[in-house]
Amino acid sequence: MIGEENNKPPTDARTLAAKEKKEMHTLGLFLAGLGEELGWLDGAAYTGHTIRLVDDGWLLVLRANKNRSNVVCFIGGRDPLECYRNLYWLMNKDALGWRPDKYA
C-alpha cells in the first residue's frame, strides 16, 4: 500500500539511541536517589560505589554501613548498565548479599 512504509516505526540506530537515552535517564533518576532507596529498602546507609572492568565483564562494588558495620556487595554484569539493572533488581527483591568490608 502506498505510504505504508511511513506508518512503520523506525528500526534503525535512531530508535536504539532513543531507547538508550530513556534508559540512561531512568538510571540517572535511580542513582540520584540511591542512598535514600537503599536506606528505605534495606536499612543500609549508602557510603559509595565503584564500577570497574574485570576479566569477564563489569563489577559494581556497593559500599554501605549496616548495623554499625562497614559492608560491601558485589554485583556483576556484561556491561555497566547491566550492573545497575542487577543492583535495582536485587534491591527490590531484598537480595543484596552484604559481606564485611575488609578494607574499610
Protein backbone atom coordinates (compact mmCIF):
# COMPACT_ATOMS: atom_id res chain seq x y z
CA MET A 1 0.00 0.00 0.00
CA ILE A 2 1.26 3.48 -0.79
CA GLY A 3 2.65 5.26 2.27
CA GLU A 4 2.68 2.08 4.37
CA GLU A 5 6.42 2.45 4.92
CA ASN A 6 5.83 5.74 6.76
CA ASN A 7 3.45 4.13 9.26
CA LYS A 8 6.00 1.61 10.47
CA PRO A 9 8.12 2.51 13.48
CA PRO A 10 11.76 3.18 12.64
CA THR A 11 14.12 0.31 13.35
CA ASP A 12 17.43 1.96 12.60
CA ALA A 13 20.05 3.35 15.01
CA ARG A 14 17.83 6.35 15.90
CA THR A 15 15.39 4.03 17.69
CA LEU A 16 18.15 2.36 19.67
CA ALA A 17 19.64 5.72 20.59
CA ALA A 18 16.26 6.97 21.82
CA LYS A 19 15.72 3.78 23.83
CA GLU A 20 19.19 4.02 25.35
CA LYS A 21 18.59 7.68 26.13
CA LYS A 22 15.43 6.77 28.05
CA GLU A 23 17.28 4.02 29.95
CA MET A 24 20.06 6.45 30.86
CA HIS A 25 17.51 8.99 32.10
CA THR A 26 15.84 6.33 34.26
CA LEU A 27 19.25 5.18 35.51
CA GLY A 28 20.14 8.76 36.41
CA LEU A 29 16.98 9.15 38.48
CA PHE A 30 17.64 5.81 40.22
CA LEU A 31 21.25 6.70 41.03
CA ALA A 32 20.36 10.21 42.19
CA GLY A 33 18.24 8.69 44.95
CA LEU A 34 20.30 5.55 45.52
CA GLY A 35 21.24 6.40 49.11
CA GLU A 36 17.64 7.04 50.12
CA GLU A 37 16.32 3.97 48.31
CA LEU A 38 18.96 1.75 49.87
CA GLY A 39 18.02 3.04 53.32
CA TRP A 40 14.30 2.51 52.76
CA LEU A 41 14.58 -0.93 51.19
CA ASP A 42 17.50 -2.43 53.09
CA GLY A 43 18.21 -0.28 56.14
CA ALA A 44 21.78 0.32 54.98
CA ALA A 45 23.45 3.73 54.91
CA TYR A 46 25.00 4.17 51.45
CA THR A 47 28.65 5.23 51.58
CA GLY A 48 29.62 4.83 47.91
CA HIS A 49 30.15 2.54 44.99
CA THR A 50 32.66 1.83 42.26
CA ILE A 51 32.33 0.11 38.93
CA ARG A 52 35.20 -1.39 37.00
CA LEU A 53 36.04 -3.63 34.10
CA VAL A 54 37.06 -7.17 35.11
CA ASP A 55 38.14 -10.19 33.07
CA ASP A 56 34.65 -11.49 32.29
CA GLY A 57 32.56 -8.28 32.32
CA TRP A 58 31.96 -5.48 34.79
CA LEU A 59 31.83 -5.39 38.58
CA LEU A 60 29.92 -2.91 40.72
CA VAL A 61 31.04 -2.74 44.35
CA LEU A 62 28.39 -1.17 46.57
CA ARG A 63 29.58 0.10 49.96
CA ALA A 64 27.38 0.85 52.96
CA ASN A 65 27.17 0.91 56.71
CA LYS A 66 24.71 -1.57 58.16
CA ASN A 67 24.20 -2.32 61.85
CA ARG A 68 27.27 -0.18 62.65
CA SER A 69 29.49 -2.27 60.38
CA ASN A 70 31.04 -1.41 57.03
CA VAL A 71 29.76 -3.81 54.37
CA VAL A 72 30.11 -4.36 50.62
CA CYS A 73 28.03 -6.05 47.95
CA PHE A 74 29.46 -7.29 44.64
CA ILE A 75 27.23 -7.11 41.56
CA GLY A 76 28.36 -8.27 38.14
CA GLY A 77 27.17 -7.67 34.61
CA ARG A 78 28.18 -7.81 30.97
CA ASP A 79 28.28 -4.00 30.83
CA PRO A 80 27.86 -1.13 33.32
CA LEU A 81 24.16 -0.74 32.56
CA GLU A 82 23.52 -4.39 33.35
CA CYS A 83 25.33 -3.96 36.70
CA TYR A 84 22.95 -1.13 37.59
CA ARG A 85 19.94 -3.14 36.39
CA ASN A 86 21.05 -6.04 38.57
CA LEU A 87 21.51 -3.68 41.52
CA TYR A 88 17.98 -2.35 41.05
CA TRP A 89 16.56 -5.88 40.80
CA LEU A 90 18.46 -7.15 43.87
CA MET A 91 17.44 -4.14 45.94
CA ASN A 92 13.78 -4.64 45.11
CA LYS A 93 13.94 -8.38 45.82
CA ASP A 94 15.69 -7.77 49.17
CA ALA A 95 18.50 -9.97 47.89
CA LEU A 96 21.66 -7.88 48.32
CA GLY A 97 24.44 -10.18 49.54
CA TRP A 98 26.25 -7.99 52.06
CA ARG A 99 29.72 -9.02 53.25
CA PRO A 100 32.02 -7.39 55.79
CA ASP A 101 34.26 -4.81 54.15
CA LYS A 102 37.85 -5.99 54.69
CA TYR A 103 39.32 -2.70 53.53
CA ALA A 104 37.22 -0.17 55.47
